[in-house]
Amino acid sequence: MLSPLSDSWPRFDAEWSYDANLGRYRRPSGQFMSEKAVMALIDGRIDKLGQDLRRFTEMMIDGNITIDQWQGSVREAIKAAHIQTTILGHGGRESMGSAEYGRIGQRLRAEYRYLQNFASDILAGRVSPAMALARVQLYAESVRSSYWEGASNRQAQQGYSLMRRILDPQAAHCDDCVRYARAGLVPLGSLPMPGQRCECKARCKCSVQYKRNAVPSSPV
């Protein structure tokens, strides 16, 4: 079973707390956070992860670290980020149990397999330096879906039974995401989380709204 983050990991959750009674996030000052502010927190974590992954990759390209060292650094960095964003989605460490950490472990095992294939492609010369830098960014972007998986579980536990996919007005969308958004309000779990089962993949910028006590339309 995957263990919670130790004290050696960056305390991403020091930047927020969750009021389970009100279903709202707060800043350390106690001020409520808007949904936009929560997403900005996630975007900031993804940006920081992307910077770290690109730095590791540049060090590997320049010959300052071996490919095994690069792979180990990337593994540790994405592990921390997936755990942190899942915890944010769930509303805090206290709401996380063995099942939740087990799901993160499954997600990470899949990410590690992709990373192993990535390393094999680099060793075989199938990936140029520019391609490697672009490809490693996808590992940072994939963290966003861990937040949404955590949020979906939290909302289900709090009695929300409906979901609606929302398109980001500033982003370009694939046909899959447009179809999910057009489905409207559907039972929770009827639609994939942003970044899943769509051509956008890790670059998906869609979001999810959760509702109670309404009549859903038919799922996609």
N, C-alpha and C. Protein backbone atom coordinates (compact mmCIF):
# COMPACT_ATOMS: atom_id res chain seq x y z
N MET A 1 0.84 -1.21 0.00
CA MET A 1 0.00 0.00 0.00
C MET A 1 0.87 1.24 0.00
N LEU A 2 0.46 2.26 -0.73
CA LEU A 2 1.19 3.51 -0.78
C LEU A 2 1.02 4.23 0.54
N SER A 3 2.11 4.75 1.08
CA SER A 3 2.06 5.47 2.35
C SER A 3 1.85 6.95 2.13
N PRO A 4 1.29 7.67 3.11
CA PRO A 4 1.16 9.12 3.00
C PRO A 4 2.53 9.77 2.88
N LEU A 5 2.54 11.02 2.46
CA LEU A 5 3.80 11.74 2.34
C LEU A 5 4.44 11.92 3.71
N SER A 6 5.75 11.74 3.76
CA SER A 6 6.48 11.96 4.99
C SER A 6 6.74 13.45 5.16
N ASP A 7 7.31 13.82 6.31
CA ASP A 7 7.58 15.23 6.57
C ASP A 7 8.65 15.81 5.64
N SER A 8 9.37 14.92 4.93
CA SER A 8 10.40 15.41 4.01
C SER A 8 9.81 15.95 2.72
N TRP A 9 8.53 15.64 2.42
CA TRP A 9 7.90 16.14 1.20
C TRP A 9 7.46 17.58 1.41
N PRO A 10 7.42 18.39 0.35
CA PRO A 10 6.89 19.75 0.46
C PRO A 10 5.44 19.72 0.93
N ARG A 11 5.12 20.58 1.90
CA ARG A 11 3.77 20.57 2.48
C ARG A 11 2.83 21.44 1.64
N PHE A 12 2.38 20.87 0.53
CA PHE A 12 1.44 21.55 -0.35
C PHE A 12 0.16 21.91 0.41
N ASP A 13 -0.23 21.07 1.38
CA ASP A 13 -1.48 21.31 2.10
C ASP A 13 -1.34 22.40 3.16
N ALA A 14 -0.15 22.97 3.33
CA ALA A 14 -0.01 24.11 4.23
C ALA A 14 -0.64 25.36 3.62
N GLU A 15 -0.93 25.32 2.32
CA GLU A 15 -1.49 26.49 1.62
C GLU A 15 -3.01 26.53 1.64
N TRP A 16 -3.65 25.53 2.25
CA TRP A 16 -5.10 25.49 2.24
C TRP A 16 -5.59 24.56 3.36
N SER A 17 -6.87 24.68 3.67
CA SER A 17 -7.56 23.73 4.54
C SER A 17 -8.96 23.55 3.97
N TYR A 18 -9.65 22.52 4.43
CA TYR A 18 -10.97 22.25 3.89
C TYR A 18 -11.98 22.18 5.02
N ASP A 19 -13.07 22.93 4.87
CA ASP A 19 -14.16 22.93 5.84
C ASP A 19 -15.19 21.91 5.37
N ALA A 20 -15.19 20.72 5.98
CA ALA A 20 -16.08 19.65 5.54
C ALA A 20 -17.54 20.00 5.78
N ASN A 21 -17.84 20.78 6.79
CA ASN A 21 -19.23 21.15 7.08
C ASN A 21 -19.81 22.06 6.01
N LEU A 22 -18.98 22.97 5.51
CA LEU A 22 -19.45 23.92 4.49
C LEU A 22 -19.08 23.49 3.08
N GLY A 23 -18.18 22.50 2.97
CA GLY A 23 -17.74 22.07 1.64
C GLY A 23 -16.95 23.13 0.92
N ARG A 24 -16.14 23.89 1.67
CA ARG A 24 -15.37 24.99 1.09
C ARG A 24 -13.91 24.90 1.52
N TYR A 25 -13.04 25.39 0.66
CA TYR A 25 -11.62 25.49 0.98
C TYR A 25 -11.35 26.85 1.59
N ARG A 26 -10.36 26.88 2.47
CA ARG A 26 -9.95 28.13 3.10
C ARG A 26 -8.45 28.34 2.91
N ARG A 27 -8.06 29.61 2.90
CA ARG A 27 -6.65 29.96 2.94
C ARG A 27 -6.17 29.87 4.39
N PRO A 28 -4.85 29.90 4.62
CA PRO A 28 -4.34 29.88 6.00
C PRO A 28 -4.92 31.00 6.85
N SER A 29 -5.30 32.12 6.22
CA SER A 29 -5.89 33.25 6.95
C SER A 29 -7.32 32.95 7.40
N GLY A 30 -7.92 31.87 6.87
CA GLY A 30 -9.32 31.55 7.17
C GLY A 30 -10.27 32.01 6.09
N GLN A 31 -9.79 32.81 5.14
CA GLN A 31 -10.63 33.31 4.05
C GLN A 31 -11.02 32.16 3.13
N PHE A 32 -12.29 32.15 2.70
CA PHE A 32 -12.74 31.12 1.76
C PHE A 32 -12.05 31.30 0.42
N MET A 33 -11.79 30.17 -0.24
CA MET A 33 -11.19 30.18 -1.57
C MET A 33 -12.26 29.88 -2.61
N SER A 34 -12.24 30.63 -3.70
CA SER A 34 -13.15 30.36 -4.80
C SER A 34 -12.66 29.12 -5.55
N GLU A 35 -13.53 28.56 -6.39
CA GLU A 35 -13.13 27.43 -7.21
C GLU A 35 -11.97 27.82 -8.12
N LYS A 36 -12.00 29.05 -8.62
CA LYS A 36 -10.92 29.54 -9.47
C LYS A 36 -9.61 29.57 -8.70
N ALA A 37 -9.65 29.94 -7.43
CA ALA A 37 -8.44 30.00 -6.61
C ALA A 37 -7.89 28.60 -6.36
N VAL A 38 -8.78 27.63 -6.16
CA VAL A 38 -8.34 26.25 -5.97
C VAL A 38 -7.66 25.73 -7.23
N MET A 39 -8.25 26.02 -8.38
CA MET A 39 -7.65 25.57 -9.63
C MET A 39 -6.31 26.26 -9.88
N ALA A 40 -6.20 27.53 -9.45
CA ALA A 40 -4.93 28.24 -9.60
C ALA A 40 -3.85 27.58 -8.74
N LEU A 41 -4.26 27.06 -7.58
CA LEU A 41 -3.33 26.34 -6.72
C LEU A 41 -2.81 25.09 -7.42
N ILE A 42 -3.71 24.37 -8.08
CA ILE A 42 -3.32 23.17 -8.82
C ILE A 42 -2.42 23.54 -10.00
N ASP A 43 -2.80 24.59 -10.72
CA ASP A 43 -1.99 25.03 -11.86
C ASP A 43 -0.57 25.39 -11.41
N GLY A 44 -0.47 26.04 -10.24
CA GLY A 44 0.84 26.41 -9.72
C GLY A 44 1.68 25.18 -9.40
N ARG A 45 1.02 24.15 -8.83
CA ARG A 45 1.75 22.92 -8.51
C ARG A 45 2.21 22.23 -9.79
N ILE A 46 1.37 22.24 -10.81
CA ILE A 46 1.73 21.62 -12.09
C ILE A 46 2.88 22.39 -12.75
N ASP A 47 2.83 23.73 -12.69
CA ASP A 47 3.89 24.55 -13.27
C ASP A 47 5.23 24.25 -12.58
N LYS A 48 5.20 24.13 -11.25
CA LYS A 48 6.44 23.84 -10.51
C LYS A 48 6.96 22.46 -10.88
N LEU A 49 6.06 21.49 -10.98
CA LEU A 49 6.47 20.15 -11.37
C LEU A 49 7.06 20.15 -12.77
N GLY A 50 6.41 20.86 -13.70
CA GLY A 50 6.91 20.94 -15.06
C GLY A 50 8.32 21.52 -15.12
N GLN A 51 8.57 22.56 -14.32
CA GLN A 51 9.91 23.16 -14.27
C GLN A 51 10.94 22.14 -13.78
N ASP A 52 10.58 21.39 -12.74
CA ASP A 52 11.50 20.40 -12.19
C ASP A 52 11.78 19.30 -13.21
N LEU A 53 10.73 18.82 -13.89
CA LEU A 53 10.91 17.74 -14.85
C LEU A 53 11.75 18.18 -16.04
N ARG A 54 11.53 19.40 -16.49
CA ARG A 54 12.34 19.91 -17.60
C ARG A 54 13.81 20.08 -17.17
N ARG A 55 14.00 20.51 -15.92
CA ARG A 55 15.38 20.66 -15.42
C ARG A 55 16.08 19.30 -15.36
N PHE A 56 15.38 18.29 -14.85
CA PHE A 56 15.97 16.95 -14.81
C PHE A 56 16.32 16.47 -16.22
N THR A 57 15.41 16.74 -17.14
CA THR A 57 15.60 16.27 -18.52
C THR A 57 16.76 17.00 -19.19
N GLU A 58 16.89 18.30 -18.96
CA GLU A 58 18.01 19.05 -19.50
C GLU A 58 19.33 18.54 -18.93
N MET A 59 19.34 18.20 -17.64
CA MET A 59 20.56 17.65 -17.02
C MET A 59 20.93 16.32 -17.66
N MET A 60 19.93 15.51 -17.97
CA MET A 60 20.18 14.22 -18.62
C MET A 60 20.68 14.43 -20.04
N ILE A 61 20.07 15.36 -20.78
CA ILE A 61 20.49 15.64 -22.16
C ILE A 61 21.92 16.14 -22.19
N ASP A 62 22.29 16.98 -21.21
CA ASP A 62 23.64 17.55 -21.15
C ASP A 62 24.67 16.58 -20.60
N GLY A 63 24.23 15.41 -20.16
CA GLY A 63 25.16 14.42 -19.65
C GLY A 63 25.55 14.62 -18.20
N ASN A 64 24.83 15.48 -17.47
CA ASN A 64 25.16 15.74 -16.07
C ASN A 64 24.59 14.68 -15.13
N ILE A 65 23.58 13.95 -15.57
CA ILE A 65 23.05 12.82 -14.81
C ILE A 65 22.80 11.67 -15.79
N THR A 66 22.79 10.46 -15.28
CA THR A 66 22.53 9.29 -16.13
C THR A 66 21.03 9.17 -16.36
N ILE A 67 20.67 8.34 -17.31
CA ILE A 67 19.24 8.15 -17.58
C ILE A 67 18.56 7.47 -16.40
N ASP A 68 19.28 6.62 -15.67
CA ASP A 68 18.70 6.00 -14.48
C ASP A 68 18.45 7.04 -13.40
N GLN A 69 19.37 7.97 -13.23
CA GLN A 69 19.17 9.05 -12.25
C GLN A 69 18.02 9.95 -12.67
N TRP A 70 17.94 10.22 -13.96
CA TRP A 70 16.82 11.02 -14.48
C TRP A 70 15.49 10.34 -14.20
N GLN A 71 15.42 9.06 -14.49
CA GLN A 71 14.18 8.32 -14.29
C GLN A 71 13.79 8.30 -12.81
N GLY A 72 14.76 8.11 -11.92
CA GLY A 72 14.47 8.11 -10.50
C GLY A 72 13.97 9.47 -10.02
N SER A 73 14.57 10.55 -10.51
CA SER A 73 14.15 11.90 -10.12
C SER A 73 12.74 12.20 -10.60
N VAL A 74 12.44 11.80 -11.84
CA VAL A 74 11.10 12.02 -12.37
C VAL A 74 10.07 11.22 -11.58
N ARG A 75 10.38 9.98 -11.26
CA ARG A 75 9.46 9.13 -10.48
C ARG A 75 9.11 9.78 -9.15
N GLU A 76 10.13 10.24 -8.43
CA GLU A 76 9.89 10.83 -7.11
C GLU A 76 9.09 12.12 -7.21
N ALA A 77 9.38 12.92 -8.23
CA ALA A 77 8.68 14.19 -8.38
C ALA A 77 7.20 13.99 -8.71
N ILE A 78 6.90 13.07 -9.64
CA ILE A 78 5.49 12.87 -10.00
C ILE A 78 4.74 12.14 -8.88
N LYS A 79 5.44 11.30 -8.13
CA LYS A 79 4.80 10.64 -6.99
C LYS A 79 4.29 11.67 -6.00
N ALA A 80 5.17 12.61 -5.62
CA ALA A 80 4.77 13.65 -4.66
C ALA A 80 3.60 14.46 -5.18
N ALA A 81 3.65 14.85 -6.45
CA ALA A 81 2.61 15.71 -7.01
C ALA A 81 1.27 15.00 -7.10
N HIS A 82 1.26 13.73 -7.50
CA HIS A 82 -0.02 13.00 -7.59
C HIS A 82 -0.63 12.82 -6.20
N ILE A 83 0.19 12.52 -5.22
CA ILE A 83 -0.34 12.37 -3.86
C ILE A 83 -0.89 13.70 -3.37
N GLN A 84 -0.15 14.77 -3.57
CA GLN A 84 -0.57 16.08 -3.07
C GLN A 84 -1.87 16.56 -3.70
N THR A 85 -1.99 16.40 -5.02
CA THR A 85 -3.21 16.89 -5.67
C THR A 85 -4.41 15.99 -5.36
N THR A 86 -4.18 14.71 -5.16
CA THR A 86 -5.28 13.84 -4.74
C THR A 86 -5.77 14.23 -3.36
N ILE A 87 -4.84 14.51 -2.46
CA ILE A 87 -5.19 14.96 -1.11
C ILE A 87 -5.99 16.26 -1.17
N LEU A 88 -5.58 17.16 -2.05
CA LEU A 88 -6.33 18.41 -2.22
C LEU A 88 -7.74 18.10 -2.69
N GLY A 89 -7.89 17.23 -3.66
CA GLY A 89 -9.21 16.87 -4.15
C GLY A 89 -10.08 16.26 -3.07
N HIS A 90 -9.47 15.43 -2.23
CA HIS A 90 -10.23 14.77 -1.16
C HIS A 90 -10.58 15.72 -0.03
N GLY A 91 -9.87 16.84 0.08
CA GLY A 91 -10.15 17.77 1.16
C GLY A 91 -9.27 17.59 2.38
N GLY A 92 -8.13 16.90 2.23
CA GLY A 92 -7.21 16.79 3.35
C GLY A 92 -6.77 15.37 3.63
N ARG A 93 -5.64 15.25 4.32
CA ARG A 93 -5.09 13.94 4.64
C ARG A 93 -6.02 13.12 5.53
N GLU A 94 -6.73 13.81 6.41
CA GLU A 94 -7.60 13.09 7.35
C GLU A 94 -8.73 12.35 6.65
N SER A 95 -9.04 12.73 5.43
CA SER A 95 -10.11 12.05 4.68
C SER A 95 -9.57 10.92 3.81
N MET A 96 -8.27 10.73 3.82
CA MET A 96 -7.64 9.72 2.98
C MET A 96 -7.46 8.42 3.77
N GLY A 97 -7.88 7.31 3.18
CA GLY A 97 -7.71 6.01 3.79
C GLY A 97 -6.90 5.09 2.91
N SER A 98 -6.82 3.83 3.28
CA SER A 98 -6.01 2.88 2.52
C SER A 98 -6.52 2.72 1.09
N ALA A 99 -7.84 2.79 0.90
CA ALA A 99 -8.39 2.65 -0.45
C ALA A 99 -7.95 3.81 -1.34
N GLU A 100 -7.95 5.02 -0.77
CA GLU A 100 -7.56 6.20 -1.54
C GLU A 100 -6.08 6.14 -1.92
N TYR A 101 -5.24 5.76 -0.97
CA TYR A 101 -3.82 5.64 -1.28
C TYR A 101 -3.57 4.48 -2.25
N GLY A 102 -4.39 3.44 -2.15
CA GLY A 102 -4.26 2.33 -3.09
C GLY A 102 -4.55 2.76 -4.51
N ARG A 103 -5.55 3.63 -4.68
CA ARG A 103 -5.87 4.12 -6.03
C ARG A 103 -4.72 4.97 -6.58
N ILE A 104 -4.10 5.77 -5.71
CA ILE A 104 -2.94 6.55 -6.17
C ILE A 104 -1.83 5.60 -6.59
N GLY A 105 -1.63 4.54 -5.81
CA GLY A 105 -0.59 3.58 -6.15
C GLY A 105 -0.82 2.95 -7.52
N GLN A 106 -2.07 2.63 -7.83
CA GLN A 106 -2.39 2.07 -9.14
C GLN A 106 -2.07 3.08 -10.24
N ARG A 107 -2.44 4.33 -9.99
CA ARG A 107 -2.18 5.38 -10.99
C ARG A 107 -0.67 5.53 -11.21
N LEU A 108 0.09 5.52 -10.13
CA LEU A 108 1.53 5.71 -10.25
C LEU A 108 2.20 4.54 -10.96
N ARG A 109 1.73 3.33 -10.71
CA ARG A 109 2.31 2.19 -11.40
C ARG A 109 2.15 2.32 -12.92
N ALA A 110 1.01 2.84 -13.34
CA ALA A 110 0.79 3.07 -14.77
C ALA A 110 1.74 4.16 -15.28
N GLU A 111 1.89 5.25 -14.50
CA GLU A 111 2.79 6.33 -14.90
C GLU A 111 4.23 5.82 -15.00
N TYR A 112 4.62 4.96 -14.07
CA TYR A 112 5.99 4.43 -14.09
C TYR A 112 6.23 3.55 -15.31
N ARG A 113 5.20 2.83 -15.74
CA ARG A 113 5.34 2.01 -16.95
C ARG A 113 5.56 2.90 -18.17
N TYR A 114 4.77 4.00 -18.25
CA TYR A 114 4.96 4.94 -19.35
C TYR A 114 6.37 5.54 -19.31
N LEU A 115 6.84 5.83 -18.10
CA LEU A 115 8.16 6.42 -17.95
C LEU A 115 9.25 5.45 -18.38
N GLN A 116 9.07 4.17 -18.08
CA GLN A 116 10.04 3.16 -18.50
C GLN A 116 10.10 3.08 -20.02
N ASN A 117 8.94 3.15 -20.66
CA ASN A 117 8.91 3.15 -22.13
C ASN A 117 9.58 4.40 -22.69
N PHE A 118 9.37 5.52 -22.00
CA PHE A 118 9.99 6.79 -22.40
C PHE A 118 11.51 6.66 -22.34
N ALA A 119 12.01 6.09 -21.23
CA ALA A 119 13.45 5.91 -21.09
C ALA A 119 13.99 4.98 -22.17
N SER A 120 13.25 3.95 -22.50
CA SER A 120 13.68 3.02 -23.55
C SER A 120 13.76 3.73 -24.90
N ASP A 121 12.80 4.61 -25.17
CA ASP A 121 12.82 5.36 -26.42
C ASP A 121 14.03 6.29 -26.48
N ILE A 122 14.38 6.89 -25.34
CA ILE A 122 15.55 7.78 -25.31
C ILE A 122 16.82 6.98 -25.59
N LEU A 123 16.95 5.85 -24.92
CA LEU A 123 18.14 5.01 -25.10
C LEU A 123 18.27 4.51 -26.53
N ALA A 124 17.13 4.25 -27.17
CA ALA A 124 17.14 3.74 -28.55
C ALA A 124 17.30 4.85 -29.58
N GLY A 125 17.35 6.11 -29.13
CA GLY A 125 17.52 7.22 -30.06
C GLY A 125 16.27 7.59 -30.81
N ARG A 126 15.11 7.14 -30.30
CA ARG A 126 13.85 7.44 -30.99
C ARG A 126 13.26 8.79 -30.56
N VAL A 127 13.89 9.44 -29.59
CA VAL A 127 13.38 10.71 -29.06
C VAL A 127 14.49 11.76 -29.11
N SER A 128 14.24 12.86 -29.77
CA SER A 128 15.21 13.95 -29.82
C SER A 128 15.15 14.74 -28.52
N PRO A 129 16.15 15.57 -28.23
CA PRO A 129 16.09 16.41 -27.03
C PRO A 129 14.83 17.27 -26.96
N ALA A 130 14.46 17.87 -28.08
CA ALA A 130 13.25 18.71 -28.09
C ALA A 130 12.01 17.87 -27.80
N MET A 131 11.94 16.69 -28.37
CA MET A 131 10.81 15.81 -28.14
C MET A 131 10.76 15.35 -26.68
N ALA A 132 11.93 15.10 -26.10
CA ALA A 132 11.99 14.66 -24.70
C ALA A 132 11.46 15.76 -23.78
N LEU A 133 11.83 17.00 -24.03
CA LEU A 133 11.38 18.11 -23.19
C LEU A 133 9.87 18.31 -23.32
N ALA A 134 9.34 18.13 -24.51
CA ALA A 134 7.89 18.27 -24.70
C ALA A 134 7.15 17.11 -24.06
N ARG A 135 7.68 15.92 -24.21
CA ARG A 135 7.01 14.73 -23.70
C ARG A 135 6.99 14.69 -22.18
N VAL A 136 8.08 15.14 -21.54
CA VAL A 136 8.13 15.07 -20.08
C VAL A 136 7.11 16.02 -19.45
N GLN A 137 6.75 17.08 -20.19
CA GLN A 137 5.75 18.02 -19.67
C GLN A 137 4.40 17.34 -19.46
N LEU A 138 4.11 16.31 -20.25
CA LEU A 138 2.83 15.61 -20.12
C LEU A 138 2.71 14.93 -18.76
N TYR A 139 3.83 14.54 -18.18
CA TYR A 139 3.79 13.92 -16.85
C TYR A 139 3.35 14.93 -15.80
N ALA A 140 3.72 16.20 -16.00
CA ALA A 140 3.26 17.24 -15.09
C ALA A 140 1.77 17.51 -15.29
N GLU A 141 1.34 17.61 -16.55
CA GLU A 141 -0.06 17.91 -16.84
C GLU A 141 -0.99 16.80 -16.35
N SER A 142 -0.50 15.56 -16.33
CA SER A 142 -1.36 14.43 -15.93
C SER A 142 -1.79 14.51 -14.48
N VAL A 143 -1.09 15.32 -13.70
CA VAL A 143 -1.41 15.45 -12.27
C VAL A 143 -2.81 16.03 -12.06
N ARG A 144 -3.27 16.83 -13.00
CA ARG A 144 -4.58 17.48 -12.86
C ARG A 144 -5.71 16.46 -12.68
N SER A 145 -5.62 15.34 -13.39
CA SER A 145 -6.69 14.36 -13.30
C SER A 145 -6.72 13.68 -11.93
N SER A 146 -5.58 13.65 -11.22
CA SER A 146 -5.58 13.09 -9.87
C SER A 146 -6.41 13.97 -8.92
N TYR A 147 -6.35 15.28 -9.13
CA TYR A 147 -7.20 16.17 -8.33
C TYR A 147 -8.67 15.84 -8.58
N TRP A 148 -9.06 15.69 -9.83
CA TRP A 148 -10.46 15.46 -10.14
C TRP A 148 -10.94 14.10 -9.63
N GLU A 149 -10.08 13.11 -9.65
CA GLU A 149 -10.46 11.82 -9.09
C GLU A 149 -10.70 11.93 -7.59
N GLY A 150 -9.81 12.67 -6.91
CA GLY A 150 -10.01 12.89 -5.48
C GLY A 150 -11.27 13.68 -5.20
N ALA A 151 -11.52 14.72 -6.01
CA ALA A 151 -12.70 15.55 -5.82
C ALA A 151 -13.98 14.75 -6.04
N SER A 152 -13.99 13.89 -7.04
CA SER A 152 -15.16 13.08 -7.33
C SER A 152 -15.49 12.16 -6.15
N ASN A 153 -14.47 11.54 -5.58
CA ASN A 153 -14.70 10.67 -4.41
C ASN A 153 -15.21 11.47 -3.23
N ARG A 154 -14.65 12.67 -3.01
CA ARG A 154 -15.11 13.52 -1.91
C ARG A 154 -16.56 13.93 -2.09
N GLN A 155 -16.91 14.32 -3.30
CA GLN A 155 -18.28 14.77 -3.55
C GLN A 155 -19.27 13.62 -3.37
N ALA A 156 -18.89 12.42 -3.80
CA ALA A 156 -19.77 11.26 -3.62
C ALA A 156 -19.98 10.98 -2.14
N GLN A 157 -18.93 11.10 -1.34
CA GLN A 157 -19.03 10.88 0.10
C GLN A 157 -19.91 11.92 0.78
N GLN A 158 -19.98 13.10 0.19
CA GLN A 158 -20.78 14.18 0.76
C GLN A 158 -22.20 14.24 0.19
N GLY A 159 -22.57 13.21 -0.55
CA GLY A 159 -23.95 13.11 -1.00
C GLY A 159 -24.26 13.69 -2.36
N TYR A 160 -23.26 14.12 -3.10
CA TYR A 160 -23.48 14.61 -4.45
C TYR A 160 -23.61 13.40 -5.38
N SER A 161 -24.66 13.41 -6.17
CA SER A 161 -24.92 12.25 -7.02
C SER A 161 -24.92 12.57 -8.51
N LEU A 162 -24.71 13.85 -8.85
CA LEU A 162 -24.75 14.27 -10.25
C LEU A 162 -23.50 15.05 -10.62
N MET A 163 -23.16 15.01 -11.87
CA MET A 163 -21.99 15.72 -12.36
C MET A 163 -22.27 16.35 -13.72
N ARG A 164 -21.51 17.40 -14.03
CA ARG A 164 -21.59 18.05 -15.33
C ARG A 164 -20.17 18.43 -15.75
N ARG A 165 -19.78 18.06 -16.96
CA ARG A 165 -18.47 18.46 -17.48
C ARG A 165 -18.56 19.88 -18.03
N ILE A 166 -17.57 20.71 -17.71
CA ILE A 166 -17.55 22.11 -18.10
C ILE A 166 -16.32 22.38 -18.97
N LEU A 167 -16.52 23.01 -20.12
CA LEU A 167 -15.42 23.38 -21.00
C LEU A 167 -14.77 24.67 -20.54
N ASP A 168 -13.46 24.72 -20.56
CA ASP A 168 -12.73 25.95 -20.27
C ASP A 168 -12.85 26.87 -21.49
N PRO A 169 -13.42 28.07 -21.31
CA PRO A 169 -13.64 28.94 -22.47
C PRO A 169 -12.34 29.42 -23.12
N GLN A 170 -11.21 29.31 -22.41
CA GLN A 170 -9.94 29.77 -22.94
C GLN A 170 -9.14 28.67 -23.63
N ALA A 171 -9.65 27.43 -23.61
CA ALA A 171 -8.88 26.30 -24.13
C ALA A 171 -9.49 25.77 -25.43
N ALA A 172 -8.66 25.10 -26.21
CA ALA A 172 -9.14 24.37 -27.38
C ALA A 172 -9.58 22.98 -26.90
N HIS A 173 -10.67 22.48 -27.46
CA HIS A 173 -11.23 21.23 -26.96
C HIS A 173 -11.33 20.19 -28.06
N CYS A 174 -11.12 18.93 -27.69
CA CYS A 174 -11.31 17.85 -28.64
C CYS A 174 -12.80 17.51 -28.73
N ASP A 175 -13.16 16.72 -29.71
CA ASP A 175 -14.56 16.34 -29.91
C ASP A 175 -15.10 15.56 -28.71
N ASP A 176 -14.25 14.77 -28.06
CA ASP A 176 -14.69 13.99 -26.90
C ASP A 176 -15.16 14.92 -25.79
N CYS A 177 -14.35 15.94 -25.48
CA CYS A 177 -14.69 16.85 -24.40
C CYS A 177 -15.97 17.63 -24.71
N VAL A 178 -16.14 18.02 -25.95
CA VAL A 178 -17.37 18.72 -26.36
C VAL A 178 -18.58 17.81 -26.15
N ARG A 179 -18.43 16.55 -26.51
CA ARG A 179 -19.53 15.59 -26.35
C ARG A 179 -19.87 15.40 -24.87
N TYR A 180 -18.85 15.31 -24.03
CA TYR A 180 -19.09 15.15 -22.60
C TYR A 180 -19.82 16.36 -22.03
N ALA A 181 -19.42 17.56 -22.46
CA ALA A 181 -20.05 18.78 -21.96
C ALA A 181 -21.51 18.86 -22.42
N ARG A 182 -21.77 18.43 -23.64
CA ARG A 182 -23.14 18.50 -24.17
C ARG A 182 -24.08 17.51 -23.48
N ALA A 183 -23.52 16.53 -22.80
CA ALA A 183 -24.36 15.54 -22.10
C ALA A 183 -25.13 16.18 -20.95
N GLY A 184 -24.66 17.33 -20.47
CA GLY A 184 -25.35 18.02 -19.39
C GLY A 184 -25.18 17.32 -18.06
N LEU A 185 -26.22 17.41 -17.24
CA LEU A 185 -26.19 16.85 -15.89
C LEU A 185 -26.51 15.35 -15.94
N VAL A 186 -25.58 14.54 -15.46
CA VAL A 186 -25.72 13.08 -15.53
C VAL A 186 -25.32 12.48 -14.18
N PRO A 187 -25.68 11.22 -13.92
CA PRO A 187 -25.27 10.59 -12.66
C PRO A 187 -23.75 10.59 -12.48
N LEU A 188 -23.31 10.82 -11.26
CA LEU A 188 -21.90 10.82 -10.95
C LEU A 188 -21.27 9.50 -11.37
N GLY A 189 -20.17 9.58 -12.09
CA GLY A 189 -19.50 8.39 -12.59
C GLY A 189 -19.86 8.03 -14.01
N SER A 190 -20.87 8.72 -14.58
CA SER A 190 -21.28 8.42 -15.96
C SER A 190 -20.30 8.95 -16.99
N LEU A 191 -19.56 9.99 -16.63
CA LEU A 191 -18.60 10.60 -17.54
C LEU A 191 -17.19 10.47 -16.97
N PRO A 192 -16.19 10.37 -17.82
CA PRO A 192 -14.81 10.31 -17.32
C PRO A 192 -14.37 11.64 -16.74
N MET A 193 -13.38 11.60 -15.88
CA MET A 193 -12.81 12.81 -15.33
C MET A 193 -12.00 13.53 -16.41
N PRO A 194 -11.80 14.85 -16.29
CA PRO A 194 -10.97 15.57 -17.26
C PRO A 194 -9.62 14.89 -17.45
N GLY A 195 -9.21 14.76 -18.70
CA GLY A 195 -7.95 14.11 -19.01
C GLY A 195 -8.06 12.63 -19.27
N GLN A 196 -9.24 12.07 -19.06
CA GLN A 196 -9.44 10.64 -19.27
C GLN A 196 -10.37 10.42 -20.46
N ARG A 197 -10.03 9.43 -21.27
CA ARG A 197 -10.84 9.04 -22.43
C ARG A 197 -11.18 10.22 -23.33
N CYS A 198 -10.17 11.02 -23.63
CA CYS A 198 -10.35 12.12 -24.58
C CYS A 198 -9.04 12.35 -25.31
N GLU A 199 -9.13 12.96 -26.48
CA GLU A 199 -7.94 13.21 -27.28
C GLU A 199 -7.02 14.24 -26.64
N CYS A 200 -7.56 15.09 -25.78
CA CYS A 200 -6.73 16.08 -25.09
C CYS A 200 -5.74 15.41 -24.14
N LYS A 201 -6.16 14.29 -23.56
CA LYS A 201 -5.35 13.54 -22.59
C LYS A 201 -4.88 14.46 -21.47
N ALA A 202 -3.58 14.45 -21.17
CA ALA A 202 -3.08 15.20 -20.02
C ALA A 202 -3.28 16.70 -20.17
N ARG A 203 -3.45 17.18 -21.41
CA ARG A 203 -3.59 18.62 -21.62
C ARG A 203 -5.02 19.11 -21.44
N CYS A 204 -5.92 18.24 -21.07
CA CYS A 204 -7.32 18.62 -20.91
C CYS A 204 -7.48 19.69 -19.84
N LYS A 205 -8.24 20.72 -20.14
CA LYS A 205 -8.47 21.82 -19.20
C LYS A 205 -9.93 21.90 -18.75
N CYS A 206 -10.69 20.86 -19.01
CA CYS A 206 -12.08 20.86 -18.58
C CYS A 206 -12.17 20.77 -17.06
N SER A 207 -13.35 21.06 -16.53
CA SER A 207 -13.60 20.93 -15.10
C SER A 207 -14.93 20.21 -14.89
N VAL A 208 -15.28 20.01 -13.64
CA VAL A 208 -16.50 19.27 -13.30
C VAL A 208 -17.29 20.06 -12.26
N GLN A 209 -18.59 20.14 -12.46
CA GLN A 209 -19.50 20.65 -11.45
C GLN A 209 -20.30 19.50 -10.88
N TYR A 210 -20.58 19.56 -9.57
CA TYR A 210 -21.32 18.51 -8.89
C TYR A 210 -22.61 19.08 -8.34
N LYS A 211 -23.68 18.27 -8.40
CA LYS A 211 -25.00 18.74 -7.99
C LYS A 211 -25.70 17.69 -7.13
N ARG A 212 -26.68 18.16 -6.36
CA ARG A 212 -27.58 17.29 -5.61
C ARG A 212 -29.02 17.57 -6.05
N ASN A 213 -29.91 16.61 -5.78
CA ASN A 213 -31.35 16.83 -5.86
C ASN A 213 -31.81 17.46 -7.17
N ALA A 214 -31.49 16.79 -8.28
CA ALA A 214 -31.97 17.24 -9.58
C ALA A 214 -32.22 16.00 -10.42
N VAL A 215 -32.97 16.17 -11.48
CA VAL A 215 -33.27 15.05 -12.37
C VAL A 215 -32.22 15.00 -13.46
N PRO A 216 -31.40 13.94 -13.53
CA PRO A 216 -30.33 13.88 -14.52
C PRO A 216 -30.85 13.52 -15.90
N SER A 217 -30.08 13.91 -16.90
CA SER A 217 -30.36 13.45 -18.25
C SER A 217 -29.72 12.08 -18.43
N SER A 218 -29.88 11.51 -19.59
CA SER A 218 -29.31 10.18 -19.84
C SER A 218 -27.80 10.29 -20.00
N PRO A 219 -27.02 9.34 -19.47
CA PRO A 219 -25.57 9.39 -19.60
C PRO A 219 -25.14 9.14 -21.03
N VAL A 220 -23.89 9.58 -21.34
CA VAL A 220 -23.34 9.36 -22.68
C VAL A 220 -23.04 7.90 -22.86
